[in-house]
Structures are given as structure tokens and as C-alpha cells.
Protein backbone atom coordinates (compact mmCIF):
# COMPACT_ATOMS: atom_id res chain seq x y z
CA MET A 1 1.49 -302.75 120.24
CA ILE A 2 4.67 -303.50 118.36
CA LYS A 3 3.92 -305.09 115.02
CA ASP A 4 6.51 -307.84 115.43
CA GLU A 5 4.67 -309.03 118.54
CA ILE A 6 1.82 -310.25 116.37
CA PHE A 7 2.63 -313.77 115.05
CA PHE A 8 -0.69 -314.67 113.39
CA LYS A 9 -3.12 -312.68 111.36
CA ASN A 10 -6.02 -314.88 112.36
CA ARG A 11 -6.89 -318.50 113.28
CA GLU A 12 -6.78 -319.66 109.66
CA VAL A 13 -3.15 -318.39 109.21
CA ALA A 14 -2.23 -319.93 112.55
CA ALA A 15 -3.67 -323.28 111.40
CA TYR A 16 -1.61 -323.34 108.18
CA ARG A 17 1.54 -322.38 110.06
CA LEU A 18 0.83 -325.19 112.48
CA LEU A 19 0.45 -327.63 109.58
CA ASP A 20 4.04 -326.69 108.60
CA VAL A 21 5.43 -328.12 111.82
CA LEU A 22 3.26 -331.27 111.87
CA PRO A 23 4.59 -334.49 110.26
CA ILE A 24 1.62 -334.54 107.97
CA GLN A 25 2.78 -337.17 105.53
CA GLN A 26 3.58 -339.63 108.31
CA MET A 27 0.32 -338.85 110.13
CA LYS A 28 -1.65 -339.56 106.90
CA LEU A 29 -0.40 -343.15 107.08
CA GLU A 30 -1.82 -343.53 110.59
CA ASP A 31 -5.29 -343.47 112.20
CA TRP A 32 -5.81 -340.10 113.83
CA ILE A 33 -8.65 -338.30 115.57
CA VAL A 34 -8.36 -334.53 115.89
CA ILE A 35 -9.97 -333.02 119.06
CA SER A 36 -10.31 -329.34 119.83
CA SER A 37 -9.89 -328.49 123.53
CA SER A 38 -11.84 -325.24 123.20
CA PHE A 39 -14.35 -323.33 121.09
CA GLY A 40 -11.51 -321.06 119.89
CA GLY A 41 -9.43 -323.99 118.66
CA TYR A 42 -12.19 -325.68 116.72
CA SER A 43 -11.68 -323.92 113.36
CA ILE A 44 -7.92 -324.65 113.58
CA ALA A 45 -8.67 -328.27 114.47
CA LYS A 46 -11.02 -328.52 111.44
CA ILE A 47 -8.34 -327.38 109.00
CA ILE A 48 -5.90 -329.91 110.42
CA ALA A 49 -8.56 -332.73 110.40
CA ASP A 50 -9.44 -331.93 106.82
CA THR A 51 -5.81 -332.07 105.79
CA LEU A 52 -5.33 -335.44 107.50
CA ASP A 53 -8.80 -336.70 106.34
CA ALA A 54 -9.31 -337.47 109.99
CA LYS A 55 -12.39 -337.37 112.27
CA LEU A 56 -12.96 -334.16 114.16
CA ASP A 57 -14.50 -333.71 117.59
CA ILE A 58 -14.35 -331.33 120.52
CA MET A 59 -13.82 -332.17 124.16
CA PHE A 60 -16.12 -330.00 126.26
CA SER A 61 -14.88 -328.69 129.60
CA ASP A 62 -15.76 -326.00 132.13
CA LYS A 63 -13.71 -323.94 134.53
CA ILE A 64 -14.14 -323.96 138.29
CA VAL A 65 -13.28 -320.63 139.79
CA ALA A 66 -12.24 -319.57 143.30
CA PRO A 67 -15.13 -318.79 145.64
CA SER A 68 -13.93 -315.21 146.21
CA ASN A 69 -12.64 -314.49 142.69
CA ASP A 70 -14.46 -315.45 139.58
CA GLU A 71 -11.46 -314.45 137.42
CA CYS A 72 -9.26 -317.11 139.03
CA ASP A 73 -9.53 -320.62 137.60
CA ILE A 74 -8.65 -323.23 140.23
CA ALA A 75 -9.76 -326.37 138.32
CA ILE A 76 -11.16 -327.82 135.12
CA VAL A 77 -13.76 -330.52 134.70
CA THR A 78 -14.07 -332.27 131.27
CA GLU A 79 -17.05 -334.01 129.77
CA GLN A 80 -15.75 -337.31 131.11
CA GLU A 81 -15.90 -335.75 134.59
CA GLU A 82 -12.14 -335.74 134.82
CA VAL A 83 -11.14 -332.97 137.27
CA LEU A 84 -7.71 -331.32 137.12
CA ILE A 85 -6.87 -329.03 140.00
CA HIS A 86 -4.42 -326.15 140.13
CA GLU A 87 -2.95 -327.30 143.39
CA GLU A 88 -0.86 -324.21 144.14
CA LEU A 89 -3.80 -321.89 143.86
CA VAL A 90 -6.07 -324.20 145.85
CA LYS A 91 -3.49 -324.28 148.60
CA CYS A 92 -2.92 -320.56 148.39
CA PHE A 93 -6.62 -319.75 148.79
CA ASP A 94 -7.20 -322.59 151.26
CA ILE A 95 -10.01 -324.08 149.13
CA SER A 96 -11.40 -327.46 150.13
CA LEU A 97 -11.55 -330.40 147.79
CA ASP A 98 -15.21 -330.74 148.75
CA TYR A 99 -15.90 -327.38 147.23
CA ILE A 100 -14.06 -328.23 144.02
CA TYR A 101 -15.82 -331.54 143.47
CA GLU A 102 -19.15 -330.10 144.34
CA GLN A 103 -18.67 -327.28 141.84
CA SER A 104 -17.37 -329.66 139.20
CA LYS A 105 -20.53 -331.74 139.56
CA LYS A 106 -22.71 -328.64 139.21
CA ASN A 107 -20.75 -327.42 136.18
CA TYR A 108 -20.93 -330.80 134.51
CA GLU A 109 -24.68 -331.14 135.06
CA ASN A 110 -25.63 -327.50 134.34
CA ASN A 111 -23.24 -326.66 131.46
CA ILE A 112 -21.38 -329.55 129.92
CA LEU A 113 -24.33 -331.96 129.57
CA SER A 114 -26.36 -329.44 127.65
CA LEU A 115 -23.46 -328.92 125.23
CA ILE A 116 -23.14 -332.68 124.64
CA ASN A 117 -26.89 -333.00 124.12
CA ASP A 118 -26.96 -330.10 121.62
CA PHE A 119 -23.77 -330.87 119.73
CA ARG A 120 -23.79 -334.68 119.67
CA HIS A 121 -27.43 -335.42 120.52
CA GLY A 122 -26.30 -336.74 123.86
CA ASN A 123 -23.71 -339.09 122.40
CA PRO A 124 -20.27 -339.38 124.11
CA LEU A 125 -17.01 -338.16 122.68
CA GLU A 126 -15.88 -340.02 119.54
CA ASN A 127 -14.41 -343.43 120.55
CA ILE A 128 -10.68 -342.88 120.81
CA LYS A 129 -9.65 -346.23 122.32
CA TYR A 130 -6.47 -347.60 120.64
CA LYS A 131 -6.31 -344.53 118.36
CA ASN A 132 -3.88 -341.65 117.93
CA VAL A 133 -5.34 -338.41 119.28
CA LEU A 134 -4.19 -334.90 118.31
CA ILE A 135 -5.56 -332.29 120.75
CA VAL A 136 -5.58 -328.84 119.18
CA ASP A 137 -6.10 -325.32 120.56
CA GLU A 138 -5.59 -321.78 119.34
CA GLY A 139 -2.98 -321.18 122.11
CA ILE A 140 -2.24 -322.14 125.67
CA ASN A 141 -2.24 -319.86 128.72
CA THR A 142 -1.88 -321.75 131.99
CA GLY A 143 -2.20 -325.18 130.34
CA LEU A 144 -4.86 -326.30 132.82
CA THR A 145 -7.50 -327.06 130.16
CA MET A 146 -5.05 -328.81 127.92
CA MET A 147 -3.70 -331.00 130.73
CA ALA A 148 -7.25 -331.98 131.68
CA CYS A 149 -8.01 -332.90 128.07
CA ILE A 150 -4.79 -334.93 127.74
CA LYS A 151 -5.55 -336.86 130.98
CA THR A 152 -9.08 -337.53 129.74
CA ALA A 153 -7.84 -338.87 126.42
CA ILE A 154 -5.34 -341.10 128.23
CA SER A 155 -8.13 -342.40 130.57
CA LEU A 156 -10.27 -343.19 127.51
CA GLY A 157 -7.57 -345.55 126.21
CA ALA A 158 -5.99 -343.53 123.42
CA LYS A 159 -3.06 -345.19 121.74
CA SER A 160 -1.14 -341.93 121.74
CA VAL A 161 -1.96 -338.36 122.69
CA SER A 162 -0.21 -335.45 121.01
CA VAL A 163 -0.81 -331.65 121.30
CA ALA A 164 -0.72 -328.99 118.57
CA THR A 165 -0.98 -325.31 119.26
CA PRO A 166 0.29 -322.21 117.43
CA ILE A 167 1.64 -320.51 120.55
CA LEU A 168 2.28 -321.19 124.23
CA PRO A 169 4.40 -320.06 127.17
CA SER A 170 7.80 -321.74 127.50
CA ALA A 171 6.83 -322.72 131.04
CA SER A 172 4.06 -324.94 129.72
CA VAL A 173 6.26 -326.94 127.35
CA GLN A 174 7.86 -329.23 129.94
CA THR A 175 4.49 -329.74 131.73
CA ILE A 176 2.72 -330.85 128.57
CA GLU A 177 5.62 -332.96 127.28
CA SER A 178 5.68 -334.80 130.64
CA ILE A 179 2.42 -336.53 129.81
CA ALA A 180 1.85 -336.04 126.02
CA ASP A 181 3.59 -338.16 123.42
CA ASP A 182 4.43 -335.21 121.22
CA LEU A 183 3.99 -331.45 121.35
CA TYR A 184 3.91 -329.33 118.20
CA TYR A 185 3.92 -325.57 118.23
CA VAL A 186 4.91 -322.57 116.07
CA GLU A 187 6.05 -320.18 118.80
CA LYS A 188 6.97 -320.49 122.52
CA LEU A 189 7.64 -317.39 124.61
CA ASP A 190 9.41 -316.91 127.92
CA HIS A 191 7.41 -313.80 128.67
CA PHE A 192 3.88 -314.75 127.67
CA ILE A 193 1.14 -312.14 127.92
CA GLY A 194 -2.06 -313.83 126.58
CA ILE A 195 -3.19 -315.70 123.51
CA ASP A 196 -5.09 -312.81 121.91
CA PHE A 197 -2.08 -310.54 122.23
CA TYR A 198 -0.29 -312.51 119.48
CA TYR A 199 -3.11 -312.54 116.96
CA ASP A 200 -4.05 -309.56 114.81
CA THR A 201 -7.67 -310.78 114.78
CA LEU A 202 -9.10 -313.19 117.27
CA GLU A 203 -12.87 -313.02 117.39
CA GLU A 204 -14.76 -314.60 120.29
CA ILE A 205 -16.14 -317.97 119.36
CA GLU A 206 -19.48 -319.01 120.74
CA PHE A 207 -21.19 -322.47 120.81
CA GLU A 208 -23.37 -321.50 117.88
CA ASP A 209 -20.29 -320.77 115.83
CA ILE A 210 -18.99 -324.24 116.56
CA LYS A 211 -22.23 -325.76 115.33
CA LYS A 212 -21.99 -323.74 112.09
CA ILE A 213 -18.36 -324.84 111.53
CA ASN A 214 -19.47 -328.42 112.16
CA LYS A 215 -22.14 -328.41 109.48
CA GLY A 216 -21.28 -330.64 106.54
CA LEU A 217 -18.82 -332.81 108.52
CA ASN A 218 -19.13 -336.59 108.50
């Protein structure tokens, strides 16, 4: 690996570089809620939330994979049961909508509900109606999860929805900007390989790690 291809030493460094591109002083004058769209983005979201003295939460979601290929994500279901479908892949694999919605229901009931119960004692996502929401992740690959989280925030009545991520493919910029109020990033790349490729260290984050990070909040 060429050294110059690594943009961030770790998540902490990525978070502080992301803070450099956020309009922090203006945001401090407003009412914001910071929401991580993944386990991996939670520690970055925490640093940003602490800087803004804002509330922090996470939006749980789960991937729906193709019937014949468990490495191929064809849709995302969020904790509000919002389902975002990768229409090109679904058409390519000739996958029925019945299959997608059946799987989304199973994933919600078997996976997402247990996370909500464990993390928030069964309580729903922090009330974001009429509030500014900043959705944060450690990076964006296809953008499917982020788009699902944005649409969920909009459906919950957020005043505005912005996205902050250290790195993403150039191809995702226009898609996200088409529905988000603002998009903040450190690096965008035309030839994107994968999020972990651009970090020197990017340990896998499990649910138990999120709970540990969350201790002492609120």
C-alpha cells in the first residue's frame, strides 16, 4: 500500500479532521442532534456531539442481502422500518419486492428490535422533530445505509438533515446532496476502493463497544 493513500491514522484523527470542515461556531448557536449511521461511526459522532454539546444517538439498521449472494446488499431497513432498495441490483437479480419486504420484517424483528431494547431500553430514537440532524459515519461505500438514514430522519420530521463523513466516493456526493441539506467531508475520491483502505487503523466495532462508548453520556 502506498503511504499517501492513507488519509487517516484512526477514527479519532478522522473525527478531528472532520471538525475542521464543519461550521462549528454557527452550529453551536443552533439546536443539533448528532446521529451515527453505523457502529463504526459512533466514536466519530461522539467527538462531534461533545464539541457541539449536542445530544448523541445511533440509528440502527440492517442489510438485506440477495438470496443467492450474501455478500451483495440489495436493501437496507432502519429502526423506523424505512426500507431503501438498490433498484438496479434488484432488477439485475430479478428479486421480488415481496422477498425484500419479508426479509426486512424478519431483520427488523430478529435484529434491530433487540438492539433498541438493549441500547435504549426499548425506547425509540431521540425525538428529532423540528430539530437539525447531523448524520455521521466513518466513511461511505455505496451510500445505501446513509440514504436510508437520511430518509428516515426526514420522515421523522427533522428541521434539516446534514451528513458528515471523513471520506466517500465522488459518485455518492450528488446522490446524498440531492436529499440532504448539507454534506461535509474531508476527502472524496473518483476511484474509491473501500473505507478501511484509507485508514491506517480501523478496528471492527461491535455492539458492546458502542455501549462502552455510550457510558457516561446524558
